[in-house]
Each structure stands twice: as structure tokens, then as C-alpha cells.
Amino acid sequence: MQLVGFPASPFVRRLRLFLNKREYEFINIDIFSLEGRKILTNNNPAQKVPALIDDGVTLYDSRVIYRYLAEKFSSTELTWAQENLLTLIDAANDSFVTLLLLKRSGIDSSVDKLFFNLQHERITTLLNTLNEEVKNNAFQSWDYPSICLYCLIDWVIFRELADLQAYPYLGSFLAECENQDSVKATDPRF
């Protein structure tokens, strides 16, 4: 089994954390280099990371990959409430990735434009909602939704995309998760 990805991607890191202590090969690519883009395109025509290759099957999206792996490893099926939490986390990730790409492209997303305003509004709403979900104990165990939330929060801090001081429960959650061995082993800062 091979996981193709970029270590700094929160979508890749969540799968690496889920696969902790399981046997797989991580194919680390630079998604911005010519060679990395070629490997990425060959393994995922959507040109996004991650991609999973296993027993002749290639899968393209972290949610799809998780479902495949959960079935393969007989993991507990996610509840509808957990699926909804993942939708919120993924939506926040998507907006933050958009803002990061704009920033790296030299585009100021703080300008009063509809697209930028919608991304910022969406992020604020999602972070408020996720902060409340943590407060209401929706992320009590180290399961896939918690892994995904951790990856989102840590990545936002790593990329300096938002000040999370207004979300104290997210900060507490992050601190609680940082002691996991697998978290340290997948930290994109190293």
C-alpha cells in the first residue's frame, strides 16, 4: 500500500496519523516541482494530494481513502454526526488552502471582494462551530474526526493563516493532542 502526498498537507497528514502503526509506504512528493506534479497527475488526475494505491486500486480523496481504509482495517463506522463534523473540517481546510494559495500567488485576500469575503466569513463560522463542538465534547477520543480537526488546527498555525486565540477550546484540544507519538512523527515542521 502506498500513500502519495506532501507532508505539510493536512489532508495527507490525517491519513498518515490514521495509518500509524500500520504498514504502508509514504511517497513524499514536492507538489510544486515539475517532477512532483508529474507524479501527482499520474496518480491523481484531480491533481490534489493525497492518493492511495493498494491492490490495483487507486483512490483520490482523503474522505474516500479513509472510507476504504476503515473498511480494510474493520474500523468502527463513522456516525452521521461525525460525518457532519468532517464536512465542517474539510470546508475549513478548503477555504484555508484557497487563502494560502492566494497569499503565495501575491494576491491580497483582505481586499473587499465577494470571493475573499465569502472565504473569510466561512472560516469564521466554521471555527466558531468547531470551537463549540470541542466545548460540547464532540472530539473526546483520538479517532478519525479528532485526527482531522487536529491536522486542521495545527496546519493553520503552521502556515500562519489565522489567529486562533478567539477559539480557546480549539487551543486546548490542540494542546491535548500534541503528546501523541504519531503527531510528533508527522509534524511538517521537521
C-alpha atoms as a PDB file:
ATOM      1  CA  MET A   1       0.000   0.000   0.000  1.00  0.00           C
ATOM      2  CA  GLN A   2       1.330   3.431  -0.987  1.00  0.00           C
ATOM      3  CA  LEU A   3       0.190   6.864   0.125  1.00  0.00           C
ATOM      4  CA  VAL A   4       1.266   9.625  -2.256  1.00  0.00           C
ATOM      5  CA  GLY A   5       1.405  13.062  -0.743  1.00  0.00           C
ATOM      6  CA  PHE A   6       3.089  16.160   0.546  1.00  0.00           C
ATOM      7  CA  PRO A   7       3.925  16.001   4.289  1.00  0.00           C
ATOM      8  CA  ALA A   8       2.671  19.532   5.023  1.00  0.00           C
ATOM      9  CA  SER A   9      -0.823  18.838   3.650  1.00  0.00           C
ATOM     10  CA  PRO A  10      -3.423  18.481   6.411  1.00  0.00           C
ATOM     11  CA  PHE A  11      -5.326  16.051   4.154  1.00  0.00           C
ATOM     12  CA  VAL A  12      -2.235  13.845   3.847  1.00  0.00           C
ATOM     13  CA  ARG A  13      -1.238  14.124   7.488  1.00  0.00           C
ATOM     14  CA  ARG A  14      -4.641  12.936   8.699  1.00  0.00           C
ATOM     15  CA  LEU A  15      -4.215   9.699   6.753  1.00  0.00           C
ATOM     16  CA  ARG A  16      -0.659   9.251   7.964  1.00  0.00           C
ATOM     17  CA  LEU A  17      -1.936   9.592  11.526  1.00  0.00           C
ATOM     18  CA  PHE A  18      -4.761   7.139  10.866  1.00  0.00           C
ATOM     19  CA  LEU A  19      -2.258   4.682   9.359  1.00  0.00           C
ATOM     20  CA  ASN A  20       0.019   4.946  12.393  1.00  0.00           C
ATOM     21  CA  LYS A  21       1.466   1.526  13.268  1.00  0.00           C
ATOM     22  CA  ARG A  22       0.163   0.050  10.014  1.00  0.00           C
ATOM     23  CA  GLU A  23       2.409  -0.974   7.165  1.00  0.00           C
ATOM     24  CA  TYR A  24       2.437   1.331   4.137  1.00  0.00           C
ATOM     25  CA  GLU A  25       4.887   3.286   2.018  1.00  0.00           C
ATOM     26  CA  PHE A  26       4.702   7.070   2.093  1.00  0.00           C
ATOM     27  CA  ILE A  27       5.687   8.589  -1.258  1.00  0.00           C
ATOM     28  CA  ASN A  28       6.738  12.127  -0.398  1.00  0.00           C
ATOM     29  CA  ILE A  29       6.412  14.470  -3.369  1.00  0.00           C
ATOM     30  CA  ASP A  30       7.007  18.172  -3.832  1.00  0.00           C
ATOM     31  CA  ILE A  31       3.639  19.166  -5.274  1.00  0.00           C
ATOM     32  CA  PHE A  32       5.070  22.386  -6.692  1.00  0.00           C
ATOM     33  CA  SER A  33       8.012  20.877  -8.608  1.00  0.00           C
ATOM     34  CA  LEU A  34       7.740  19.661 -12.198  1.00  0.00           C
ATOM     35  CA  GLU A  35       8.608  16.084 -11.196  1.00  0.00           C
ATOM     36  CA  GLY A  36       6.224  16.177  -8.228  1.00  0.00           C
ATOM     37  CA  ARG A  37       3.383  17.497 -10.416  1.00  0.00           C
ATOM     38  CA  LYS A  38       4.004  14.657 -12.873  1.00  0.00           C
ATOM     39  CA  ILE A  39       3.861  12.009 -10.128  1.00  0.00           C
ATOM     40  CA  LEU A  40       0.776  13.685  -8.702  1.00  0.00           C
ATOM     41  CA  THR A  41      -1.032  13.838 -12.044  1.00  0.00           C
ATOM     42  CA  ASN A  42      -0.148  10.216 -12.821  1.00  0.00           C
ATOM     43  CA  ASN A  43      -1.644   9.107  -9.513  1.00  0.00           C
ATOM     44  CA  ASN A  44      -4.476  11.591  -9.153  1.00  0.00           C
ATOM     45  CA  PRO A  45      -5.970  13.356 -12.184  1.00  0.00           C
ATOM     46  CA  ALA A  46      -7.649  15.820  -9.797  1.00  0.00           C
ATOM     47  CA  GLN A  47      -4.059  16.990  -9.108  1.00  0.00           C
ATOM     48  CA  LYS A  48      -4.602  17.053  -5.360  1.00  0.00           C
ATOM     49  CA  VAL A  49      -2.987  15.128  -2.556  1.00  0.00           C
ATOM     50  CA  PRO A  50      -3.372  12.516  -1.236  1.00  0.00           C
ATOM     51  CA  ALA A  51      -3.682   9.462  -3.438  1.00  0.00           C
ATOM     52  CA  LEU A  52      -3.710   5.885  -2.178  1.00  0.00           C
ATOM     53  CA  ILE A  53      -2.591   2.907  -4.234  1.00  0.00           C
ATOM     54  CA  ASP A  54      -3.476  -0.522  -2.881  1.00  0.00           C
ATOM     55  CA  ASP A  55      -4.009  -3.885  -4.575  1.00  0.00           C
ATOM     56  CA  GLY A  56      -4.569  -2.325  -8.002  1.00  0.00           C
ATOM     57  CA  VAL A  57      -6.972   0.297  -6.641  1.00  0.00           C
ATOM     58  CA  THR A  58      -6.101   3.999  -6.752  1.00  0.00           C
ATOM     59  CA  LEU A  59      -8.173   6.423  -4.695  1.00  0.00           C
ATOM     60  CA  TYR A  60      -8.038  10.220  -4.882  1.00  0.00           C
ATOM     61  CA  ASP A  61      -9.666  11.999  -1.940  1.00  0.00           C
ATOM     62  CA  SER A  62      -8.888  11.814   1.782  1.00  0.00           C
ATOM     63  CA  ARG A  63     -12.534  11.081   2.690  1.00  0.00           C
ATOM     64  CA  VAL A  64     -12.753   8.295   0.098  1.00  0.00           C
ATOM     65  CA  ILE A  65      -9.360   6.959   1.141  1.00  0.00           C
ATOM     66  CA  TYR A  66     -10.426   6.950   4.786  1.00  0.00           C
ATOM     67  CA  ARG A  67     -13.608   5.010   3.973  1.00  0.00           C
ATOM     68  CA  TYR A  68     -11.551   2.474   2.043  1.00  0.00           C
ATOM     69  CA  LEU A  69      -9.001   2.108   4.858  1.00  0.00           C
ATOM     70  CA  ALA A  70     -11.671   1.944   7.558  1.00  0.00           C
ATOM     71  CA  GLU A  71     -13.320  -0.920   5.712  1.00  0.00           C
ATOM     72  CA  LYS A  72      -9.985  -2.621   5.033  1.00  0.00           C
ATOM     73  CA  PHE A  73      -8.984  -2.455   8.703  1.00  0.00           C
ATOM     74  CA  SER A  74     -12.506  -3.123  10.064  1.00  0.00           C
ATOM     75  CA  SER A  75     -12.627   0.213  11.879  1.00  0.00           C
ATOM     76  CA  THR A  76     -15.797   1.428  13.506  1.00  0.00           C
ATOM     77  CA  GLU A  77     -18.083   3.136  11.007  1.00  0.00           C
ATOM     78  CA  LEU A  78     -18.463   6.888  11.435  1.00  0.00           C
ATOM     79  CA  THR A  79     -21.771   8.187  12.743  1.00  0.00           C
ATOM     80  CA  TRP A  80     -23.726  10.792  10.800  1.00  0.00           C
ATOM     81  CA  ALA A  81     -22.727  13.360  13.421  1.00  0.00           C
ATOM     82  CA  GLN A  82     -19.066  12.506  12.809  1.00  0.00           C
ATOM     83  CA  GLU A  83     -19.585  12.726   9.046  1.00  0.00           C
ATOM     84  CA  ASN A  84     -21.034  16.212   9.541  1.00  0.00           C
ATOM     85  CA  LEU A  85     -18.031  17.210  11.662  1.00  0.00           C
ATOM     86  CA  LEU A  86     -15.735  16.029   8.872  1.00  0.00           C
ATOM     87  CA  THR A  87     -17.687  18.133   6.392  1.00  0.00           C
ATOM     88  CA  LEU A  88     -17.086  21.206   8.575  1.00  0.00           C
ATOM     89  CA  ILE A  89     -13.393  20.407   8.960  1.00  0.00           C
ATOM     90  CA  ASP A  90     -12.975  19.784   5.232  1.00  0.00           C
ATOM     91  CA  ALA A  91     -14.767  23.018   4.375  1.00  0.00           C
ATOM     92  CA  ALA A  92     -12.447  24.973   6.672  1.00  0.00           C
ATOM     93  CA  ASN A  93      -9.427  23.198   5.193  1.00  0.00           C
ATOM     94  CA  ASP A  94     -10.591  24.036   1.664  1.00  0.00           C
ATOM     95  CA  SER A  95     -11.026  27.729   2.440  1.00  0.00           C
ATOM     96  CA  PHE A  96      -7.693  27.941   4.229  1.00  0.00           C
ATOM     97  CA  VAL A  97      -5.923  26.188   1.321  1.00  0.00           C
ATOM     98  CA  THR A  98      -7.506  28.733  -1.021  1.00  0.00           C
ATOM     99  CA  LEU A  99      -6.249  31.609   1.136  1.00  0.00           C
ATOM    100  CA  LEU A 100      -2.761  30.091   1.300  1.00  0.00           C
ATOM    101  CA  LEU A 101      -2.601  29.717  -2.480  1.00  0.00           C
ATOM    102  CA  LEU A 102      -3.785  33.305  -2.919  1.00  0.00           C
ATOM    103  CA  LYS A 103      -1.130  34.502  -0.474  1.00  0.00           C
ATOM    104  CA  ARG A 104       1.603  32.530  -2.257  1.00  0.00           C
ATOM    105  CA  SER A 105       0.381  33.998  -5.551  1.00  0.00           C
ATOM    106  CA  GLY A 106       0.805  37.532  -4.207  1.00  0.00           C
ATOM    107  CA  ILE A 107      -2.932  38.207  -4.014  1.00  0.00           C
ATOM    108  CA  ASP A 108      -4.220  40.128  -1.002  1.00  0.00           C
ATOM    109  CA  SER A 109      -7.339  38.331   0.226  1.00  0.00           C
ATOM    110  CA  SER A 110      -8.125  41.087   2.728  1.00  0.00           C
ATOM    111  CA  VAL A 111      -9.433  43.267  -0.126  1.00  0.00           C
ATOM    112  CA  ASP A 112     -13.204  43.789  -0.061  1.00  0.00           C
ATOM    113  CA  LYS A 113     -14.153  41.354  -2.822  1.00  0.00           C
ATOM    114  CA  LEU A 114     -17.022  38.871  -2.775  1.00  0.00           C
ATOM    115  CA  PHE A 115     -14.863  35.741  -3.159  1.00  0.00           C
ATOM    116  CA  PHE A 116     -12.449  36.770  -0.396  1.00  0.00           C
ATOM    117  CA  ASN A 117     -15.264  37.913   1.889  1.00  0.00           C
ATOM    118  CA  LEU A 118     -17.078  34.603   1.480  1.00  0.00           C
ATOM    119  CA  GLN A 119     -13.933  32.629   2.361  1.00  0.00           C
ATOM    120  CA  HIS A 120     -13.312  34.702   5.496  1.00  0.00           C
ATOM    121  CA  GLU A 121     -16.971  34.507   6.550  1.00  0.00           C
ATOM    122  CA  ARG A 122     -16.990  30.749   6.016  1.00  0.00           C
ATOM    123  CA  ILE A 123     -13.802  30.299   8.049  1.00  0.00           C
ATOM    124  CA  THR A 124     -15.110  32.373  10.957  1.00  0.00           C
ATOM    125  CA  THR A 125     -18.402  30.479  11.025  1.00  0.00           C
ATOM    126  CA  LEU A 126     -16.658  27.103  10.813  1.00  0.00           C
ATOM    127  CA  LEU A 127     -14.077  27.882  13.511  1.00  0.00           C
ATOM    128  CA  ASN A 128     -16.818  29.137  15.838  1.00  0.00           C
ATOM    129  CA  THR A 129     -18.828  25.985  15.212  1.00  0.00           C
ATOM    130  CA  LEU A 130     -15.860  23.655  15.685  1.00  0.00           C
ATOM    131  CA  ASN A 131     -14.853  25.516  18.847  1.00  0.00           C
ATOM    132  CA  GLU A 132     -18.355  24.890  20.237  1.00  0.00           C
ATOM    133  CA  GLU A 133     -18.229  21.237  19.167  1.00  0.00           C
ATOM    134  CA  VAL A 134     -14.995  20.776  21.115  1.00  0.00           C
ATOM    135  CA  LYS A 135     -16.591  22.542  24.088  1.00  0.00           C
ATOM    136  CA  ASN A 136     -19.539  20.106  23.845  1.00  0.00           C
ATOM    137  CA  ASN A 137     -17.180  17.075  23.848  1.00  0.00           C
ATOM    138  CA  ALA A 138     -17.654  16.040  20.218  1.00  0.00           C
ATOM    139  CA  PHE A 139     -13.932  15.234  19.950  1.00  0.00           C
ATOM    140  CA  GLN A 140     -13.221  13.246  23.104  1.00  0.00           C
ATOM    141  CA  SER A 141     -11.340  10.280  21.656  1.00  0.00           C
ATOM    142  CA  TRP A 142      -8.403  10.071  19.266  1.00  0.00           C
ATOM    143  CA  ASP A 143     -10.481   8.888  16.307  1.00  0.00           C
ATOM    144  CA  TYR A 144     -10.546   9.979  12.675  1.00  0.00           C
ATOM    145  CA  PRO A 145     -12.634  13.151  13.200  1.00  0.00           C
ATOM    146  CA  SER A 146     -10.313  14.205  16.041  1.00  0.00           C
ATOM    147  CA  ILE A 147      -7.276  13.468  13.894  1.00  0.00           C
ATOM    148  CA  CYS A 148      -8.740  15.646  11.127  1.00  0.00           C
ATOM    149  CA  LEU A 149      -9.511  18.512  13.476  1.00  0.00           C
ATOM    150  CA  TYR A 150      -6.034  18.328  14.960  1.00  0.00           C
ATOM    151  CA  CYS A 151      -4.469  18.411  11.473  1.00  0.00           C
ATOM    152  CA  LEU A 152      -6.557  21.437  10.510  1.00  0.00           C
ATOM    153  CA  ILE A 153      -5.708  23.470  13.616  1.00  0.00           C
ATOM    154  CA  ASP A 154      -2.016  22.598  13.604  1.00  0.00           C
ATOM    155  CA  TRP A 155      -1.735  23.345   9.877  1.00  0.00           C
ATOM    156  CA  VAL A 156      -3.440  26.751  10.242  1.00  0.00           C
ATOM    157  CA  ILE A 157      -0.943  27.661  12.961  1.00  0.00           C
ATOM    158  CA  PHE A 158       1.992  26.227  10.976  1.00  0.00           C
ATOM    159  CA  ARG A 159       1.037  28.274   7.894  1.00  0.00           C
ATOM    160  CA  GLU A 160       0.170  31.366   9.981  1.00  0.00           C
ATOM    161  CA  LEU A 161      -3.238  31.656   8.337  1.00  0.00           C
ATOM    162  CA  ALA A 162      -5.306  32.746  11.322  1.00  0.00           C
ATOM    163  CA  ASP A 163      -5.092  33.867  14.908  1.00  0.00           C
ATOM    164  CA  LEU A 164      -6.903  31.178  16.872  1.00  0.00           C
ATOM    165  CA  GLN A 165      -6.890  32.963  20.243  1.00  0.00           C
ATOM    166  CA  ALA A 166     -10.608  33.659  19.866  1.00  0.00           C
ATOM    167  CA  TYR A 167     -11.202  29.869  19.905  1.00  0.00           C
ATOM    168  CA  PRO A 168      -9.964  28.693  23.316  1.00  0.00           C
ATOM    169  CA  TYR A 169     -11.449  25.208  23.079  1.00  0.00           C
ATOM    170  CA  LEU A 170      -9.634  24.603  19.807  1.00  0.00           C
ATOM    171  CA  GLY A 171      -6.416  25.687  21.512  1.00  0.00           C
ATOM    172  CA  SER A 172      -6.995  23.327  24.432  1.00  0.00           C
ATOM    173  CA  PHE A 173      -7.811  20.495  22.045  1.00  0.00           C
ATOM    174  CA  LEU A 174      -4.590  21.115  20.117  1.00  0.00           C
ATOM    175  CA  ALA A 175      -2.519  21.050  23.314  1.00  0.00           C
ATOM    176  CA  GLU A 176      -4.125  17.775  24.430  1.00  0.00           C
ATOM    177  CA  CYS A 177      -3.347  16.069  21.118  1.00  0.00           C
ATOM    178  CA  GLU A 178       0.255  17.171  20.783  1.00  0.00           C
ATOM    179  CA  ASN A 179       1.518  14.422  23.090  1.00  0.00           C
ATOM    180  CA  GLN A 180       0.606  11.652  20.654  1.00  0.00           C
ATOM    181  CA  ASP A 181       3.777   9.966  19.307  1.00  0.00           C
ATOM    182  CA  SER A 182       2.336   9.841  15.811  1.00  0.00           C
ATOM    183  CA  VAL A 183       1.668  13.603  15.913  1.00  0.00           C
ATOM    184  CA  LYS A 184       5.329  14.306  16.530  1.00  0.00           C
ATOM    185  CA  ALA A 185       6.412  11.841  13.841  1.00  0.00           C
ATOM    186  CA  THR A 186       4.247  13.544  11.182  1.00  0.00           C
ATOM    187  CA  ASP A 187       4.956  17.157  12.149  1.00  0.00           C
ATOM    188  CA  PRO A 188       5.604  19.046   8.859  1.00  0.00           C
ATOM    189  CA  ARG A 189       7.945  21.470  10.596  1.00  0.00           C
ATOM    190  CA  PHE A 190      10.688  18.821  10.759  1.00  0.00           C
END
